Amino acid sequence: MAWLKLAPAWAWWVLALLIVGAGQQLRVSGAQVDAATAVASLAGYKTEVSDRDRRANLAALQESKRRIAAFDKEQKHADEQLEAARADAAGAGSALERLQQRLAAAEQRSRAAGNTITAQLSQAAEADSRVRAELLGRLGALAKLYAGAADESRIAGQTCERSFDSLGGG
């Protein structure tokens, strides 16, 4: 203990302060290294999350484009089918008109046949054939209406099913 008295007391205090200061400096350096490591780790995590989000957004955009293209394709197909169904309905309507014209021509020939008995029979047959022609016309118009509605409903339903399937629903 005598060697402690060789140096003045203030020198021991300075030495203690230097040792404490050096220890604190080591702690600060370690904390700075830890902070730099944490900042680098956070930057890496942010980059990873950003890349993952970018890839997810790109995949969602591509899926949306695929779905829109599939829906547009099905809609075009449905429009083509509806156009064909309407053309078929128009063809059926013109066939009905031709049938009505033939019936009218047959009535005309029957009237033009000539004798009184034929004329009397012709008048009775004419009333009967007018009723048949009118009934045939009404039936044709209703058949055209119902066929058109059925075709449109069928095409719409099939288009809906194909669209759902193409979008990944089934």
C-alpha atoms as a PDB file:
ATOM      1  CA  MET A   1       0.000   0.000   0.000  1.00  0.00           C
ATOM      2  CA  ALA A   2       2.934   2.249   0.382  1.00  0.00           C
ATOM      3  CA  TRP A   3       3.317   2.483  -3.333  1.00  0.00           C
ATOM      4  CA  LEU A   4      -0.124   4.163  -3.476  1.00  0.00           C
ATOM      5  CA  LYS A   5       1.263   7.075  -1.520  1.00  0.00           C
ATOM      6  CA  LEU A   6       4.031   7.623  -4.075  1.00  0.00           C
ATOM      7  CA  ALA A   7       1.574   9.306  -6.477  1.00  0.00           C
ATOM      8  CA  PRO A   8      -0.561  12.284  -5.472  1.00  0.00           C
ATOM      9  CA  ALA A   9      -4.287  11.638  -4.869  1.00  0.00           C
ATOM     10  CA  TRP A  10      -5.387  13.740  -7.779  1.00  0.00           C
ATOM     11  CA  ALA A  11      -3.350  11.508 -10.144  1.00  0.00           C
ATOM     12  CA  TRP A  12      -5.304   8.507  -8.942  1.00  0.00           C
ATOM     13  CA  TRP A  13      -8.510  10.368  -9.605  1.00  0.00           C
ATOM     14  CA  VAL A  14      -7.350  11.230 -13.150  1.00  0.00           C
ATOM     15  CA  LEU A  15      -6.362   7.618 -13.736  1.00  0.00           C
ATOM     16  CA  ALA A  16      -9.794   6.422 -12.530  1.00  0.00           C
ATOM     17  CA  LEU A  17     -11.490   8.957 -14.797  1.00  0.00           C
ATOM     18  CA  LEU A  18      -9.401   7.811 -17.755  1.00  0.00           C
ATOM     19  CA  ILE A  19     -10.281   4.165 -17.114  1.00  0.00           C
ATOM     20  CA  VAL A  20     -13.996   4.983 -16.755  1.00  0.00           C
ATOM     21  CA  GLY A  21     -13.855   7.198 -19.890  1.00  0.00           C
ATOM     22  CA  ALA A  22     -12.118   4.448 -21.884  1.00  0.00           C
ATOM     23  CA  GLY A  23     -14.771   1.935 -20.762  1.00  0.00           C
ATOM     24  CA  GLN A  24     -17.530   4.317 -21.766  1.00  0.00           C
ATOM     25  CA  GLN A  25     -15.822   4.889 -25.123  1.00  0.00           C
ATOM     26  CA  LEU A  26     -15.760   1.121 -25.716  1.00  0.00           C
ATOM     27  CA  ARG A  27     -19.468   0.883 -24.837  1.00  0.00           C
ATOM     28  CA  VAL A  28     -20.328   3.746 -27.234  1.00  0.00           C
ATOM     29  CA  SER A  29     -18.308   2.130 -30.028  1.00  0.00           C
ATOM     30  CA  GLY A  30     -20.091  -1.163 -29.477  1.00  0.00           C
ATOM     31  CA  ALA A  31     -23.481   0.569 -29.474  1.00  0.00           C
ATOM     32  CA  GLN A  32     -22.580   2.343 -32.730  1.00  0.00           C
ATOM     33  CA  VAL A  33     -21.637  -0.964 -34.351  1.00  0.00           C
ATOM     34  CA  ASP A  34     -24.921  -2.494 -33.140  1.00  0.00           C
ATOM     35  CA  ALA A  35     -26.879   0.497 -34.481  1.00  0.00           C
ATOM     36  CA  ALA A  36     -25.133   0.310 -37.866  1.00  0.00           C
ATOM     37  CA  THR A  37     -25.902  -3.425 -38.052  1.00  0.00           C
ATOM     38  CA  ALA A  38     -29.560  -2.780 -37.188  1.00  0.00           C
ATOM     39  CA  VAL A  39     -29.804  -0.012 -39.830  1.00  0.00           C
ATOM     40  CA  ALA A  40     -28.275  -2.291 -42.482  1.00  0.00           C
ATOM     41  CA  SER A  41     -30.624  -5.129 -41.472  1.00  0.00           C
ATOM     42  CA  LEU A  42     -33.643  -2.795 -41.651  1.00  0.00           C
ATOM     43  CA  ALA A  43     -32.583  -1.528 -45.080  1.00  0.00           C
ATOM     44  CA  GLY A  44     -32.280  -5.127 -46.295  1.00  0.00           C
ATOM     45  CA  TYR A  45     -35.708  -5.976 -44.901  1.00  0.00           C
ATOM     46  CA  LYS A  46     -37.257  -2.908 -46.542  1.00  0.00           C
ATOM     47  CA  THR A  47     -35.699  -3.872 -49.870  1.00  0.00           C
ATOM     48  CA  GLU A  48     -36.970  -7.440 -49.530  1.00  0.00           C
ATOM     49  CA  VAL A  49     -40.490  -6.279 -48.666  1.00  0.00           C
ATOM     50  CA  SER A  50     -40.459  -3.757 -51.507  1.00  0.00           C
ATOM     51  CA  ASP A  51     -39.393  -6.422 -54.010  1.00  0.00           C
ATOM     52  CA  ARG A  52     -42.019  -8.848 -52.716  1.00  0.00           C
ATOM     53  CA  ASP A  53     -44.738  -6.165 -52.960  1.00  0.00           C
ATOM     54  CA  ARG A  54     -43.612  -5.210 -56.464  1.00  0.00           C
ATOM     55  CA  ARG A  55     -43.744  -8.862 -57.577  1.00  0.00           C
ATOM     56  CA  ALA A  56     -47.172  -9.311 -55.978  1.00  0.00           C
ATOM     57  CA  ASN A  57     -48.500  -6.166 -57.681  1.00  0.00           C
ATOM     58  CA  LEU A  58     -47.088  -7.308 -61.015  1.00  0.00           C
ATOM     59  CA  ALA A  59     -48.680 -10.739 -60.595  1.00  0.00           C
ATOM     60  CA  ALA A  60     -52.029  -9.145 -59.673  1.00  0.00           C
ATOM     61  CA  LEU A  61     -51.827  -6.865 -62.706  1.00  0.00           C
ATOM     62  CA  GLN A  62     -51.048  -9.789 -64.997  1.00  0.00           C
ATOM     63  CA  GLU A  63     -53.931 -11.792 -63.526  1.00  0.00           C
ATOM     64  CA  SER A  64     -56.276  -8.842 -64.019  1.00  0.00           C
ATOM     65  CA  LYS A  65     -55.172  -8.514 -67.637  1.00  0.00           C
ATOM     66  CA  ARG A  66     -55.676 -12.254 -68.175  1.00  0.00           C
ATOM     67  CA  ARG A  67     -59.148 -12.115 -66.677  1.00  0.00           C
ATOM     68  CA  ILE A  68     -60.128  -9.073 -68.745  1.00  0.00           C
ATOM     69  CA  ALA A  69     -58.842 -10.755 -71.920  1.00  0.00           C
ATOM     70  CA  ALA A  70     -60.747 -13.961 -71.093  1.00  0.00           C
ATOM     71  CA  PHE A  71     -63.921 -12.020 -70.362  1.00  0.00           C
ATOM     72  CA  ASP A  72     -63.574  -9.992 -73.581  1.00  0.00           C
ATOM     73  CA  LYS A  73     -63.048 -13.200 -75.555  1.00  0.00           C
ATOM     74  CA  GLU A  74     -66.187 -14.764 -74.059  1.00  0.00           C
ATOM     75  CA  GLN A  75     -68.169 -11.572 -74.663  1.00  0.00           C
ATOM     76  CA  LYS A  76     -67.085 -11.525 -78.322  1.00  0.00           C
ATOM     77  CA  HIS A  77     -68.081 -15.190 -78.657  1.00  0.00           C
ATOM     78  CA  ALA A  78     -71.473 -14.421 -77.096  1.00  0.00           C
ATOM     79  CA  ASP A  79     -71.999 -11.485 -79.457  1.00  0.00           C
ATOM     80  CA  GLU A  80     -71.239 -13.753 -82.423  1.00  0.00           C
ATOM     81  CA  GLN A  81     -73.701 -16.360 -81.152  1.00  0.00           C
ATOM     82  CA  LEU A  82     -76.394 -13.722 -80.604  1.00  0.00           C
ATOM     83  CA  GLU A  83     -75.847 -12.381 -84.110  1.00  0.00           C
ATOM     84  CA  ALA A  84     -76.197 -15.902 -85.531  1.00  0.00           C
ATOM     85  CA  ALA A  85     -79.361 -16.494 -83.480  1.00  0.00           C
ATOM     86  CA  ARG A  86     -80.831 -13.209 -84.712  1.00  0.00           C
ATOM     87  CA  ALA A  87     -79.988 -14.154 -88.298  1.00  0.00           C
ATOM     88  CA  ASP A  88     -81.720 -17.517 -87.774  1.00  0.00           C
ATOM     89  CA  ALA A  89     -84.761 -15.724 -86.336  1.00  0.00           C
ATOM     90  CA  ALA A  90     -84.850 -13.380 -89.322  1.00  0.00           C
ATOM     91  CA  GLY A  91     -84.658 -16.399 -91.633  1.00  0.00           C
ATOM     92  CA  ALA A  92     -87.521 -18.043 -89.772  1.00  0.00           C
ATOM     93  CA  GLY A  93     -89.526 -14.824 -90.030  1.00  0.00           C
ATOM     94  CA  SER A  94     -89.023 -14.640 -93.786  1.00  0.00           C
ATOM     95  CA  ALA A  95     -89.992 -18.317 -94.097  1.00  0.00           C
ATOM     96  CA  LEU A  96     -93.196 -17.511 -92.196  1.00  0.00           C
ATOM     97  CA  GLU A  97     -93.897 -14.632 -94.569  1.00  0.00           C
ATOM     98  CA  ARG A  98     -93.368 -16.898 -97.600  1.00  0.00           C
ATOM     99  CA  LEU A  99     -95.761 -19.462 -96.099  1.00  0.00           C
ATOM    100  CA  GLN A 100     -98.384 -16.769 -95.537  1.00  0.00           C
ATOM    101  CA  GLN A 101     -97.926 -15.553 -99.123  1.00  0.00           C
ATOM    102  CA  ARG A 102     -98.431 -19.104-100.433  1.00  0.00           C
ATOM    103  CA  LEU A 103    -101.594 -19.428 -98.369  1.00  0.00           C
ATOM    104  CA  ALA A 104    -102.896 -16.116 -99.741  1.00  0.00           C
ATOM    105  CA  ALA A 105    -102.079 -17.222-103.286  1.00  0.00           C
ATOM    106  CA  ALA A 106    -103.943 -20.503-102.752  1.00  0.00           C
ATOM    107  CA  GLU A 107    -106.979 -18.539-101.539  1.00  0.00           C
ATOM    108  CA  GLN A 108    -106.808 -16.319-104.595  1.00  0.00           C
ATOM    109  CA  ARG A 109    -106.674 -19.308-106.936  1.00  0.00           C
ATOM    110  CA  SER A 110    -109.591 -20.856-105.102  1.00  0.00           C
ATOM    111  CA  ARG A 111    -111.671 -17.686-105.577  1.00  0.00           C
ATOM    112  CA  ALA A 112    -110.774 -17.421-109.191  1.00  0.00           C
ATOM    113  CA  ALA A 113    -111.915 -20.992-109.895  1.00  0.00           C
ATOM    114  CA  GLY A 114    -115.262 -19.917-111.091  1.00  0.00           C
ATOM    115  CA  ASN A 115    -118.670 -21.560-110.645  1.00  0.00           C
ATOM    116  CA  THR A 116    -121.335 -20.723-108.066  1.00  0.00           C
ATOM    117  CA  ILE A 117    -120.907 -23.794-105.948  1.00  0.00           C
ATOM    118  CA  THR A 118    -117.218 -23.223-105.916  1.00  0.00           C
ATOM    119  CA  ALA A 119    -117.844 -19.549-105.080  1.00  0.00           C
ATOM    120  CA  GLN A 120    -120.011 -20.463-102.104  1.00  0.00           C
ATOM    121  CA  LEU A 121    -117.527 -23.034-100.920  1.00  0.00           C
ATOM    122  CA  SER A 122    -114.781 -20.579-101.620  1.00  0.00           C
ATOM    123  CA  GLN A 123    -116.363 -17.953 -99.369  1.00  0.00           C
ATOM    124  CA  ALA A 124    -116.615 -20.433 -96.512  1.00  0.00           C
ATOM    125  CA  ALA A 125    -113.107 -21.668 -97.143  1.00  0.00           C
ATOM    126  CA  GLU A 126    -111.862 -18.075 -97.415  1.00  0.00           C
ATOM    127  CA  ALA A 127    -113.112 -17.181 -93.922  1.00  0.00           C
ATOM    128  CA  ASP A 128    -111.625 -20.391 -92.608  1.00  0.00           C
ATOM    129  CA  SER A 129    -108.295 -19.809 -94.324  1.00  0.00           C
ATOM    130  CA  ARG A 130    -108.183 -16.162 -93.106  1.00  0.00           C
ATOM    131  CA  VAL A 131    -108.535 -17.440 -89.553  1.00  0.00           C
ATOM    132  CA  ARG A 132    -105.834 -20.027 -90.198  1.00  0.00           C
ATOM    133  CA  ALA A 133    -103.540 -17.431 -91.757  1.00  0.00           C
ATOM    134  CA  GLU A 134    -104.047 -15.020 -88.870  1.00  0.00           C
ATOM    135  CA  LEU A 135    -103.504 -17.798 -86.344  1.00  0.00           C
ATOM    136  CA  LEU A 136    -100.419 -18.940 -88.226  1.00  0.00           C
ATOM    137  CA  GLY A 137     -99.092 -15.363 -88.246  1.00  0.00           C
ATOM    138  CA  ARG A 138     -99.672 -14.952 -84.515  1.00  0.00           C
ATOM    139  CA  LEU A 139     -98.102 -18.334 -83.769  1.00  0.00           C
ATOM    140  CA  GLY A 140     -95.108 -17.433 -85.944  1.00  0.00           C
ATOM    141  CA  ALA A 141     -94.647 -14.083 -84.200  1.00  0.00           C
ATOM    142  CA  LEU A 142     -94.901 -15.683 -80.753  1.00  0.00           C
ATOM    143  CA  ALA A 143     -92.554 -18.499 -81.771  1.00  0.00           C
ATOM    144  CA  LYS A 144     -90.055 -15.913 -83.013  1.00  0.00           C
ATOM    145  CA  LEU A 145     -90.370 -13.947 -79.760  1.00  0.00           C
ATOM    146  CA  TYR A 146     -89.967 -17.001 -77.511  1.00  0.00           C
ATOM    147  CA  ALA A 147     -87.169 -18.482 -79.616  1.00  0.00           C
ATOM    148  CA  GLY A 148     -85.288 -15.172 -79.507  1.00  0.00           C
ATOM    149  CA  ALA A 149     -85.706 -14.879 -75.745  1.00  0.00           C
ATOM    150  CA  ALA A 150     -84.670 -18.512 -75.251  1.00  0.00           C
ATOM    151  CA  ASP A 151     -81.619 -18.104 -77.496  1.00  0.00           C
ATOM    152  CA  GLU A 152     -80.534 -14.932 -75.717  1.00  0.00           C
ATOM    153  CA  SER A 153     -81.012 -16.527 -72.295  1.00  0.00           C
ATOM    154  CA  ARG A 154     -79.135 -19.672 -73.284  1.00  0.00           C
ATOM    155  CA  ILE A 155     -76.264 -17.707 -74.811  1.00  0.00           C
ATOM    156  CA  ALA A 156     -76.086 -15.374 -71.800  1.00  0.00           C
ATOM    157  CA  GLY A 157     -76.037 -18.323 -69.397  1.00  0.00           C
ATOM    158  CA  GLN A 158     -73.356 -20.180 -71.332  1.00  0.00           C
ATOM    159  CA  THR A 159     -71.280 -17.002 -71.598  1.00  0.00           C
ATOM    160  CA  CYS A 160     -71.585 -16.467 -67.864  1.00  0.00           C
ATOM    161  CA  GLU A 161     -70.476 -20.037 -67.166  1.00  0.00           C
ATOM    162  CA  ARG A 162     -67.520 -19.838 -69.575  1.00  0.00           C
ATOM    163  CA  SER A 163     -66.491 -16.461 -68.173  1.00  0.00           C
ATOM    164  CA  PHE A 164     -66.607 -17.796 -64.622  1.00  0.00           C
ATOM    165  CA  ASP A 165     -64.566 -20.841 -65.633  1.00  0.00           C
ATOM    166  CA  SER A 166     -62.012 -18.768 -67.541  1.00  0.00           C
ATOM    167  CA  LEU A 167     -61.576 -16.445 -64.583  1.00  0.00           C
ATOM    168  CA  GLY A 168     -60.494 -19.350 -62.434  1.00  0.00           C
ATOM    169  CA  GLY A 169     -63.796 -19.854 -60.631  1.00  0.00           C
ATOM    170  CA  GLY A 170     -64.375 -23.423 -61.584  1.00  0.00           C
END
